[in-house]
Amino acid sequence: MSKKNKVTITRTDDFAEVETELASALENLDDANARIESLLREQRQPEGDDATETTESETDMTQTES
């Protein structure tokens, strides 16, 4: 049988730097997602009011036609 070689893993500070950069990127992504969500809520509110008015006027037209 072949002799097993011992494997040593050397960890450098590069991993710490990468982890810091990833944490920063995730934080920026969370901020961007929060801003987008806020903008979408603002856009949906007026459309929701218009959609209600359209539905009511469509209901009135249906009743008039009958």
N, C-alpha and C. Protein backbone atom coordinates (compact mmCIF):
# COMPACT_ATOMS: atom_id res chain seq x y z
N MET A 1 0.83 -1.19 0.00
CA MET A 1 0.00 0.00 0.00
C MET A 1 0.87 1.24 0.00
N SER A 2 0.32 2.28 -0.56
CA SER A 2 1.10 3.53 -0.62
C SER A 2 1.07 4.25 0.71
N LYS A 3 2.10 4.99 0.94
CA LYS A 3 2.22 5.73 2.18
C LYS A 3 1.36 6.99 2.09
N LYS A 4 0.59 7.28 3.14
CA LYS A 4 -0.26 8.47 3.15
C LYS A 4 0.56 9.69 3.55
N ASN A 5 0.43 10.71 2.76
CA ASN A 5 1.12 11.97 3.07
C ASN A 5 0.22 12.84 3.93
N LYS A 6 0.81 13.49 4.89
CA LYS A 6 0.06 14.39 5.75
C LYS A 6 -0.14 15.72 5.01
N VAL A 7 -1.37 16.17 4.99
CA VAL A 7 -1.70 17.41 4.30
C VAL A 7 -1.81 18.52 5.34
N THR A 8 -1.10 19.59 5.11
CA THR A 8 -1.21 20.74 6.01
C THR A 8 -1.89 21.87 5.26
N ILE A 9 -2.80 22.51 5.94
CA ILE A 9 -3.54 23.63 5.35
C ILE A 9 -3.02 24.91 5.99
N THR A 10 -2.57 25.79 5.14
CA THR A 10 -2.07 27.08 5.62
C THR A 10 -3.14 28.13 5.34
N ARG A 11 -3.60 28.75 6.38
CA ARG A 11 -4.62 29.80 6.22
C ARG A 11 -3.94 31.15 6.33
N THR A 12 -4.28 31.99 5.43
CA THR A 12 -3.67 33.32 5.42
C THR A 12 -4.70 34.37 5.81
N ASP A 13 -4.24 35.58 5.92
CA ASP A 13 -5.15 36.69 6.24
C ASP A 13 -6.04 37.05 5.05
N ASP A 14 -5.76 36.46 3.91
CA ASP A 14 -6.59 36.74 2.73
C ASP A 14 -8.05 36.39 2.99
N PHE A 15 -8.27 35.31 3.73
CA PHE A 15 -9.64 34.91 4.02
C PHE A 15 -10.36 35.97 4.84
N ALA A 16 -9.66 36.57 5.78
CA ALA A 16 -10.26 37.62 6.60
C ALA A 16 -10.63 38.83 5.74
N GLU A 17 -9.75 39.17 4.80
CA GLU A 17 -10.03 40.29 3.90
C GLU A 17 -11.23 39.99 3.02
N VAL A 18 -11.29 38.80 2.49
CA VAL A 18 -12.42 38.41 1.64
C VAL A 18 -13.71 38.42 2.44
N GLU A 19 -13.66 37.91 3.65
CA GLU A 19 -14.85 37.90 4.50
C GLU A 19 -15.33 39.32 4.79
N THR A 20 -14.41 40.23 5.05
CA THR A 20 -14.76 41.63 5.29
C THR A 20 -15.40 42.25 4.06
N GLU A 21 -14.82 41.99 2.90
CA GLU A 21 -15.37 42.53 1.66
C GLU A 21 -16.75 41.96 1.37
N LEU A 22 -16.94 40.67 1.62
CA LEU A 22 -18.25 40.05 1.41
C LEU A 22 -19.29 40.63 2.36
N ALA A 23 -18.92 40.84 3.60
CA ALA A 23 -19.84 41.42 4.58
C ALA A 23 -20.24 42.82 4.14
N SER A 24 -19.28 43.59 3.65
CA SER A 24 -19.57 44.94 3.17
C SER A 24 -20.49 44.90 1.95
N ALA A 25 -20.23 43.99 1.04
CA ALA A 25 -21.06 43.86 -0.16
C ALA A 25 -22.49 43.47 0.21
N LEU A 26 -22.63 42.55 1.16
CA LEU A 26 -23.97 42.14 1.60
C LEU A 26 -24.71 43.29 2.27
N GLU A 27 -24.00 44.09 3.03
CA GLU A 27 -24.62 45.25 3.68
C GLU A 27 -25.10 46.25 2.62
N ASN A 28 -24.27 46.50 1.61
CA ASN A 28 -24.66 47.39 0.52
C ASN A 28 -25.86 46.83 -0.23
N LEU A 29 -25.90 45.54 -0.43
CA LEU A 29 -27.02 44.91 -1.11
C LEU A 29 -28.30 45.04 -0.29
N ASP A 30 -28.21 44.86 1.02
CA ASP A 30 -29.37 45.03 1.88
C ASP A 30 -29.90 46.46 1.81
N ASP A 31 -28.98 47.44 1.81
CA ASP A 31 -29.38 48.85 1.69
C ASP A 31 -30.09 49.11 0.36
N ALA A 32 -29.53 48.58 -0.72
CA ALA A 32 -30.13 48.76 -2.04
C ALA A 32 -31.50 48.11 -2.11
N ASN A 33 -31.62 46.92 -1.55
CA ASN A 33 -32.92 46.23 -1.54
C ASN A 33 -33.96 47.02 -0.74
N ALA A 34 -33.55 47.62 0.36
CA ALA A 34 -34.47 48.42 1.17
C ALA A 34 -34.93 49.65 0.39
N ARG A 35 -34.01 50.29 -0.34
CA ARG A 35 -34.39 51.47 -1.14
C ARG A 35 -35.34 51.07 -2.26
N ILE A 36 -35.06 49.96 -2.92
CA ILE A 36 -35.93 49.49 -4.01
C ILE A 36 -37.30 49.15 -3.48
N GLU A 37 -37.35 48.47 -2.36
CA GLU A 37 -38.64 48.10 -1.76
C GLU A 37 -39.44 49.35 -1.43
N SER A 38 -38.78 50.36 -0.91
CA SER A 38 -39.45 51.61 -0.57
C SER A 38 -39.99 52.29 -1.83
N LEU A 39 -39.19 52.32 -2.88
CA LEU A 39 -39.65 52.93 -4.14
C LEU A 39 -40.83 52.16 -4.73
N LEU A 40 -40.78 50.84 -4.66
CA LEU A 40 -41.89 50.05 -5.19
C LEU A 40 -43.17 50.30 -4.41
N ARG A 41 -43.06 50.44 -3.09
CA ARG A 41 -44.25 50.74 -2.29
C ARG A 41 -44.85 52.08 -2.70
N GLU A 42 -43.98 53.08 -2.92
CA GLU A 42 -44.45 54.40 -3.33
C GLU A 42 -45.13 54.33 -4.69
N GLN A 43 -44.60 53.53 -5.61
CA GLN A 43 -45.19 53.42 -6.94
C GLN A 43 -46.51 52.67 -6.92
N ARG A 44 -46.64 51.70 -6.05
CA ARG A 44 -47.85 50.89 -5.99
C ARG A 44 -49.02 51.63 -5.37
N GLN A 45 -48.78 52.52 -4.44
CA GLN A 45 -49.87 53.21 -3.75
C GLN A 45 -50.76 53.99 -4.71
N PRO A 46 -50.20 54.87 -5.56
CA PRO A 46 -51.08 55.60 -6.49
C PRO A 46 -51.75 54.67 -7.49
N GLU A 47 -51.03 53.65 -7.96
CA GLU A 47 -51.62 52.70 -8.91
C GLU A 47 -52.77 51.94 -8.26
N GLY A 48 -52.64 51.63 -6.99
CA GLY A 48 -53.70 50.93 -6.28
C GLY A 48 -54.96 51.77 -6.22
N ASP A 49 -54.83 53.08 -6.02
CA ASP A 49 -55.98 53.97 -6.01
C ASP A 49 -56.62 54.03 -7.39
N ASP A 50 -55.81 54.11 -8.45
CA ASP A 50 -56.34 54.16 -9.81
C ASP A 50 -57.03 52.85 -10.16
N ALA A 51 -56.46 51.74 -9.73
CA ALA A 51 -57.04 50.43 -10.04
C ALA A 51 -58.41 50.31 -9.40
N THR A 52 -58.57 50.85 -8.19
CA THR A 52 -59.87 50.81 -7.52
C THR A 52 -60.88 51.62 -8.29
N GLU A 53 -60.48 52.81 -8.77
CA GLU A 53 -61.39 53.65 -9.53
C GLU A 53 -61.78 52.98 -10.84
N THR A 54 -60.84 52.34 -11.51
CA THR A 54 -61.13 51.66 -12.76
C THR A 54 -62.11 50.53 -12.52
N THR A 55 -61.91 49.78 -11.47
CA THR A 55 -62.81 48.67 -11.16
C THR A 55 -64.21 49.18 -10.89
N GLU A 56 -64.32 50.29 -10.16
CA GLU A 56 -65.64 50.84 -9.87
C GLU A 56 -66.31 51.33 -11.14
N SER A 57 -65.58 52.00 -12.03
CA SER A 57 -66.19 52.49 -13.26
C SER A 57 -66.54 51.34 -14.18
N GLU A 58 -65.74 50.28 -14.20
CA GLU A 58 -66.08 49.09 -14.99
C GLU A 58 -67.36 48.46 -14.46
N THR A 59 -67.53 48.46 -13.15
CA THR A 59 -68.74 47.91 -12.55
C THR A 59 -69.94 48.75 -12.95
N ASP A 60 -69.80 50.08 -12.96
CA ASP A 60 -70.89 50.96 -13.35
C ASP A 60 -71.26 50.72 -14.82
N MET A 61 -70.27 50.52 -15.70
CA MET A 61 -70.55 50.29 -17.12
C MET A 61 -71.27 48.98 -17.30
N THR A 62 -70.91 47.97 -16.55
CA THR A 62 -71.55 46.67 -16.67
C THR A 62 -73.00 46.76 -16.24
N GLN A 63 -73.26 47.48 -15.16
CA GLN A 63 -74.63 47.63 -14.69
C GLN A 63 -75.47 48.44 -15.67
N THR A 64 -74.89 49.43 -16.33
CA THR A 64 -75.60 50.27 -17.28
C THR A 64 -75.96 49.46 -18.52
N GLU A 65 -75.07 48.58 -18.98
CA GLU A 65 -75.32 47.78 -20.16
C GLU A 65 -76.41 46.74 -19.94
N SER A 66 -76.60 46.31 -18.72
CA SER A 66 -77.58 45.25 -18.44
C SER A 66 -78.95 45.75 -18.40
